Protein backbone atom coordinates (compact mmCIF):
# COMPACT_ATOMS: atom_id res chain seq x y z
CA UNK A 1 -1.55 25.18 -14.18
CA UNK A 2 0.18 23.27 -16.98
CA UNK A 3 2.55 21.71 -14.43
CA UNK A 4 -0.32 20.82 -12.11
CA UNK A 5 -2.23 19.26 -14.96
CA UNK A 6 0.77 17.18 -15.83
CA UNK A 7 1.24 16.02 -12.31
CA UNK A 8 -2.45 14.98 -12.00
CA UNK A 9 -2.23 13.15 -15.36
CA UNK A 10 0.86 11.31 -14.14
CA UNK A 11 -0.98 10.44 -10.91
CA UNK A 12 -3.77 8.92 -12.91
CA UNK A 13 -1.31 6.83 -14.88
CA UNK A 14 0.38 5.61 -11.67
CA UNK A 15 -3.04 4.54 -10.31
CA UNK A 16 -3.72 2.45 -13.41
CA UNK A 17 -0.27 0.84 -12.99
CA UNK A 18 -1.06 0.23 -9.27
CA UNK A 19 2.12 2.03 -8.24
CA UNK A 20 2.05 3.58 -4.69
CA UNK A 21 2.94 7.23 -4.36
CA UNK A 22 1.95 10.29 -2.45
CA UNK A 23 0.60 13.63 -3.69
CA UNK A 24 2.16 16.50 -1.84
CA UNK A 25 0.36 19.84 -2.02
CA UNK A 26 1.43 23.17 -0.64
CA UNK A 27 -1.67 24.54 1.19
CA UNK A 28 -0.16 27.62 2.84
CA UNK A 29 3.10 29.57 2.82
CA UNK A 30 4.80 32.52 4.49
CA UNK A 31 7.39 34.29 2.36
CA UNK A 32 10.16 33.90 1.40
CA UNK A 33 9.37 30.64 -0.31
CA UNK A 34 9.81 29.50 -3.91
CA UNK A 35 6.83 27.19 -3.75
CA UNK A 36 3.35 28.77 -3.66
CA UNK A 37 -0.07 27.54 -2.44
CA UNK A 38 -1.45 24.86 -4.81
CA UNK A 39 1.98 23.69 -5.90
CA UNK A 40 2.05 19.92 -6.18
CA UNK A 41 4.52 17.07 -6.47
CA UNK A 42 4.43 13.30 -6.72
CA UNK A 43 6.62 11.67 -4.05
CA UNK A 44 7.75 8.01 -3.95
CA UNK A 45 8.98 5.82 -1.22
CA UNK A 46 12.42 5.84 -2.82
CA UNK A 47 12.63 9.61 -2.15
CA UNK A 48 12.19 10.61 -5.69
CA UNK A 49 10.17 13.79 -6.18
CA UNK A 50 8.43 14.76 -9.45
CA UNK A 51 7.18 18.32 -9.32
CA UNK A 52 7.97 21.32 -7.15
CA UNK A 53 7.08 21.93 -3.53
CA UNK A 54 10.21 23.69 -2.33
CA UNK A 55 13.84 22.90 -2.27
CA UNK A 56 16.29 21.36 0.18
CA UNK A 57 14.61 22.91 3.16
CA UNK A 58 11.31 21.14 2.67
CA UNK A 59 12.25 17.96 0.81
CA UNK A 60 13.71 15.89 3.78
CA UNK A 61 10.60 16.46 5.88
CA UNK A 62 8.29 15.68 2.98
CA UNK A 63 10.22 12.44 2.13
CA UNK A 64 10.24 11.21 5.72
CA UNK A 65 6.53 11.84 6.05
CA UNK A 66 5.68 10.23 2.76
CA UNK A 67 7.50 7.03 3.78
CA UNK A 68 5.42 6.81 6.91
CA UNK A 69 2.13 7.65 5.12
CA UNK A 70 2.78 4.95 2.49
CA UNK A 71 3.13 2.47 5.36
CA UNK A 72 -0.05 3.24 7.16
CA UNK A 73 -2.22 4.97 4.53
CA UNK A 74 -2.77 8.04 6.66
CA UNK A 75 -2.68 11.55 5.19
CA UNK A 76 -0.63 14.11 7.11
CA UNK A 77 -0.29 17.86 7.30
CA UNK A 78 3.25 19.08 7.86
CA UNK A 79 4.82 22.47 8.48
CA UNK A 80 8.35 23.35 7.61
CA UNK A 81 9.56 26.55 9.27
CA UNK A 82 12.65 28.21 10.80
CA UNK A 83 11.46 27.17 14.23
CA UNK A 84 13.78 24.43 15.55
CA UNK A 85 12.64 20.98 16.49
CA UNK A 86 9.83 18.68 15.46
CA UNK A 87 6.50 19.13 17.20
CA UNK A 88 2.95 18.02 16.82
CA UNK A 89 0.23 20.57 17.38
CA UNK A 90 -3.43 20.38 16.34
CA UNK A 91 -2.68 17.63 13.86
CA UNK A 92 0.13 19.59 12.16
CA UNK A 93 3.60 18.00 12.27
CA UNK A 94 6.11 20.84 12.51
CA UNK A 95 9.61 20.38 11.22
CA UNK A 96 12.39 22.86 11.98
CA UNK A 97 14.79 23.79 9.15
CA UNK A 98 18.46 24.45 9.55
CA UNK A 99 18.98 26.13 6.17
CA UNK A 100 19.13 29.96 5.92
CA UNK A 101 16.33 30.69 3.37
CA UNK A 102 13.57 31.15 5.95
CA UNK A 103 9.87 31.15 5.17
CA UNK A 104 7.25 28.60 6.18
CA UNK A 105 5.46 25.93 4.18
CA UNK A 106 2.39 23.89 5.10
CA UNK A 107 2.18 20.81 2.95
CA UNK A 108 -0.47 18.15 2.84
CA UNK A 109 0.69 14.55 2.17
CA UNK A 110 -1.99 12.40 0.58
CA UNK A 111 -0.83 8.73 0.13
CA UNK A 112 -2.23 6.84 -2.79
CA UNK A 113 -1.94 3.10 -2.23
CA UNK A 114 -3.40 0.46 -4.58
CA UNK A 115 -6.08 -1.73 -3.01
CA UNK A 116 -4.83 -5.21 -2.12
CA UNK A 117 -5.86 -7.93 -4.62
CA UNK A 118 -7.50 -11.21 -3.61
CA UNK A 119 -7.79 -14.25 -5.81
CA UNK A 120 -10.51 -16.67 -4.73
CA UNK A 121 -10.29 -20.22 -6.29
CA UNK A 122 -13.39 -22.40 -5.79
CA UNK A 123 -17.08 -22.21 -5.60
CA UNK A 124 -17.86 -23.11 -1.93
CA UNK A 125 -20.45 -21.08 -0.11
CA UNK A 126 -17.65 -19.69 2.13
CA UNK A 127 -15.87 -18.47 -0.98
CA UNK A 128 -18.95 -16.48 -2.09
CA UNK A 129 -19.31 -15.00 1.37
CA UNK A 130 -15.63 -14.19 1.34
CA UNK A 131 -15.91 -12.30 -1.88
CA UNK A 132 -18.60 -10.01 -0.40
CA UNK A 133 -16.75 -9.33 2.86
CA UNK A 134 -13.33 -8.91 1.25
CA UNK A 135 -14.76 -6.38 -1.23
CA UNK A 136 -16.34 -4.40 1.57
CA UNK A 137 -13.04 -4.31 3.49
CA UNK A 138 -11.12 -2.84 0.57
CA UNK A 139 -9.84 -5.84 -1.46
CA UNK A 140 -10.15 -6.07 -5.25
CA UNK A 141 -11.53 -9.58 -5.79
CA UNK A 142 -11.02 -11.98 -8.65
CA UNK A 143 -12.90 -15.30 -8.61
CA UNK A 144 -11.75 -18.31 -10.66
CA UNK A 145 -13.14 -21.78 -11.14
CA UNK A 146 -14.95 -23.76 -13.82
CA UNK A 147 -18.46 -22.38 -14.12
CA UNK A 148 -17.74 -19.07 -12.43
CA UNK A 149 -20.07 -16.23 -13.28
CA UNK A 150 -20.95 -12.71 -12.15
CA UNK A 151 -24.16 -14.02 -10.55
CA UNK A 152 -22.16 -16.02 -7.99
CA UNK A 153 -19.67 -13.27 -7.50
CA UNK A 154 -21.28 -9.90 -8.19
CA UNK A 155 -18.66 -7.99 -6.15
CA UNK A 156 -15.69 -9.39 -8.01
CA UNK A 157 -13.88 -7.09 -10.48
CA UNK A 158 -13.02 -10.13 -12.67
CA UNK A 159 -14.61 -13.57 -12.86
CA UNK A 160 -12.73 -16.35 -14.80
CA UNK A 161 -14.68 -19.40 -15.98
CA UNK A 162 -11.91 -21.95 -15.74
CA UNK A 163 -8.87 -22.88 -13.73
CA UNK A 164 -5.83 -21.19 -15.30
CA UNK A 165 -3.70 -18.79 -13.28
CA UNK A 166 -1.76 -17.79 -16.40
CA UNK A 167 -4.88 -15.90 -17.49
CA UNK A 168 -4.31 -13.52 -14.59
CA UNK A 169 -2.45 -10.25 -14.89
CA UNK A 170 -1.15 -8.79 -11.67
CA UNK A 171 1.53 -6.21 -11.20
CA UNK A 172 2.17 -7.89 -7.82
CA UNK A 173 1.23 -11.39 -6.59
CA UNK A 174 -2.21 -11.27 -4.98
CA UNK A 175 -3.44 -12.81 -1.76
CA UNK A 176 -4.96 -16.22 -2.66
CA UNK A 177 -7.68 -18.27 -0.89
CA UNK A 178 -8.64 -21.69 -2.18
CA UNK A 179 -12.16 -22.79 -1.19
CA UNK A 180 -12.85 -25.75 -3.41
CA UNK A 181 -14.56 -27.84 -0.71
CA UNK A 182 -13.37 -31.23 -2.03
CA UNK A 183 -13.94 -30.33 -5.72
CA UNK A 184 -10.51 -30.12 -7.29
CA UNK A 185 -8.56 -29.20 -4.12
CA UNK A 186 -5.16 -30.13 -5.56
CA UNK A 187 -5.78 -28.54 -8.96
CA UNK A 188 -6.94 -25.33 -7.24
CA UNK A 189 -3.89 -25.28 -4.96
CA UNK A 190 -1.56 -25.91 -7.92
CA UNK A 191 -2.98 -22.84 -9.64
CA UNK A 192 -2.56 -20.89 -6.40
CA UNK A 193 1.12 -21.87 -6.26
CA UNK A 194 1.54 -20.75 -9.87
CA UNK A 195 0.73 -17.17 -8.81
CA UNK A 196 3.91 -17.00 -6.72
CA UNK A 197 1.81 -15.41 -3.94
CA UNK A 198 3.43 -15.06 -0.55
CA UNK A 199 0.02 -15.59 1.02
CA UNK A 200 -1.96 -18.71 0.06
CA UNK A 201 -4.72 -19.91 2.34
CA UNK A 202 -6.72 -23.13 2.04
CA UNK A 203 -10.14 -23.37 3.63
CA UNK A 204 -10.11 -26.91 5.02
CA UNK A 205 -9.69 -28.93 8.18
CA UNK A 206 -6.13 -29.47 9.51
CA UNK A 207 -6.38 -33.19 8.76
CA UNK A 208 -7.54 -32.68 5.17
CA UNK A 209 -4.98 -29.99 4.57
CA UNK A 210 -2.14 -32.33 5.65
CA UNK A 211 -3.24 -35.03 3.28
CA UNK A 212 -3.57 -32.63 0.36
CA UNK A 213 -0.16 -31.11 1.05
CA UNK A 214 1.56 -34.52 1.15
CA UNK A 215 -0.06 -35.33 -2.23
CA UNK A 216 1.12 -32.04 -3.72
CA UNK A 217 4.68 -32.63 -2.63
CA UNK A 218 4.64 -36.22 -3.84
CA UNK A 219 3.48 -34.95 -7.25
CA UNK A 220 6.60 -32.72 -7.58
CA UNK A 221 5.49 -29.34 -6.16
CA UNK A 222 8.07 -27.32 -4.18
CA UNK A 223 7.97 -28.55 -0.58
CA UNK A 224 8.80 -25.14 0.94
CA UNK A 225 6.03 -23.45 -1.00
CA UNK A 226 3.53 -26.19 -0.11
CA UNK A 227 4.44 -26.05 3.56
CA UNK A 228 3.88 -22.29 3.47
CA UNK A 229 0.17 -22.69 2.50
CA UNK A 230 -1.96 -21.52 5.48
CA UNK A 231 -4.51 -24.15 6.48
CA UNK A 232 -6.71 -23.98 8.39
CA UNK A 233 -6.92 -20.30 7.47
CA UNK A 234 -8.72 -17.70 9.48
CA UNK A 235 -8.44 -16.18 12.93
CA UNK A 236 -10.00 -18.46 15.56
CA UNK A 237 -13.52 -17.28 16.38
CA UNK A 238 -15.30 -20.63 16.55
CA UNK A 239 -16.66 -20.17 13.07
CA UNK A 240 -19.22 -22.62 11.75
CA UNK A 241 -21.37 -21.07 8.98
CA UNK A 242 -19.94 -19.98 5.62
CA UNK A 243 -20.34 -16.34 6.61
CA UNK A 244 -18.54 -16.86 9.92
CA UNK A 245 -15.74 -18.70 8.16
CA UNK A 246 -15.47 -15.86 5.66
CA UNK A 247 -15.29 -13.33 8.48
CA UNK A 248 -12.48 -15.19 10.13
CA UNK A 249 -10.58 -15.41 6.85
CA UNK A 250 -11.05 -11.75 6.08
CA UNK A 251 -9.70 -10.87 9.51
CA UNK A 252 -6.57 -12.84 8.71
CA UNK A 253 -6.24 -11.21 5.33
CA UNK A 254 -6.55 -7.70 6.87
CA UNK A 255 -3.95 -8.57 9.51
CA UNK A 256 -1.50 -9.89 6.75
CA UNK A 257 -2.22 -6.81 4.56
CA UNK A 258 -1.42 -4.50 7.50
CA UNK A 259 1.95 -6.12 7.92
CA UNK A 260 1.09 -9.16 10.06
CA UNK A 261 1.21 -7.02 13.29
CA UNK A 262 -1.79 -4.86 13.60
CA UNK A 263 -0.48 -1.84 15.44
CA UNK A 264 -2.30 1.51 15.82
CA UNK A 265 -0.46 4.39 14.17
CA UNK A 266 -1.15 7.97 15.11
CA UNK A 267 -1.88 10.27 12.17
CA UNK A 268 0.70 12.70 13.57
CA UNK A 269 3.32 10.15 14.60
CA UNK A 270 6.90 10.75 13.52
CA UNK A 271 9.57 8.41 14.90
CA UNK A 272 12.79 9.67 16.45
CA UNK A 273 14.73 8.12 13.61
CA UNK A 274 12.73 10.09 11.12
CA UNK A 275 13.33 13.34 13.00
CA UNK A 276 17.03 12.65 13.05
CA UNK A 277 17.03 11.92 9.30
CA UNK A 278 15.28 15.19 8.54
CA UNK A 279 17.60 17.27 10.77
CA UNK A 280 20.73 15.61 9.39
CA UNK A 281 19.69 16.22 5.78
CA UNK A 282 18.68 19.81 6.49
CA UNK A 283 22.04 20.44 8.27
CA UNK A 284 23.93 18.97 5.32
CA UNK A 285 22.19 21.20 2.96
CA UNK A 286 22.84 24.35 5.04
CA UNK A 287 26.26 24.70 3.37
CA UNK A 288 24.56 24.87 -0.01
CA UNK A 289 22.28 27.59 1.39
CA UNK A 290 25.26 29.68 2.36
CA UNK A 291 26.54 29.64 -1.17
CA UNK A 292 23.27 30.55 -2.83
CA UNK A 293 20.60 33.21 -2.33
CA UNK A 294 18.15 30.53 -1.28
CA UNK A 295 18.13 26.78 -1.27
CA UNK A 296 14.53 27.02 -2.35
CA UNK A 297 15.23 29.56 -4.97
CA UNK A 298 15.49 27.49 -8.13
CA UNK A 299 13.35 24.82 -9.76
CA UNK A 300 16.15 22.33 -10.02
CA UNK A 301 15.48 19.08 -11.95
CA UNK A 302 12.35 17.98 -10.19
CA UNK A 303 10.08 17.66 -13.23
CA UNK A 304 7.22 15.42 -14.30
CA UNK A 305 8.18 13.04 -17.04
């Protein structure tokens, strides 16, 4: 229990730091296995494992599954057993093992991905509507402009009365939408550029956006960064009202957050490449299994720091 408590404490710290990871938990086993039901580990996209959920037989399958779950946010239940091949049955992804230790492990992979952050600069009605819709679709919203208050943005986690991007503290650059509606457009966009965000949108007509961009470039701002500002922003739905505009913008934000190409991913989907990777790693580790009683038989160096 001490190890489990340490892992859960570490998981809480990672959440605060907004670092993505997956919590892998052994939910069932058939002997012989070194990991027992309830055993947990933190697994990162890099392949690093902190904790113990089994040795070389289980780890390749866990790592491959974690990488996929961190991409699409879907939890997955996997089974690692002596049965050869990779199959999907009743929502369980079954991985065959090539090492000699035997035993079966069922492991649940629970991805923990920080919510995307959205900075809204401006006080236009569409900005206020955007704050509400973005919050309800899973974004952590910060609002910033002179005179900003919680009354205008009740769903924002932070409201900054002013126009100073240096006051913001993000572990990663946020999505940024400028909705100044003619009141400090250039100042708002300059602050947006200061965030180094890869996604900056400007709610404005195409004609107005072109004029503002020219002015920004003439005043010394990086041309490539200015040209990358999305404007008009929002998926085309014929939006007219502030709420409709906000809806179209949120749709584009969601699309960008999902990787620009919204594609449906099956909860149990494992690509052929991932299967090959698992099988190659397990085969490579079979030699180690021949030289030891069990490749899952020792705790190794996978500890929580």
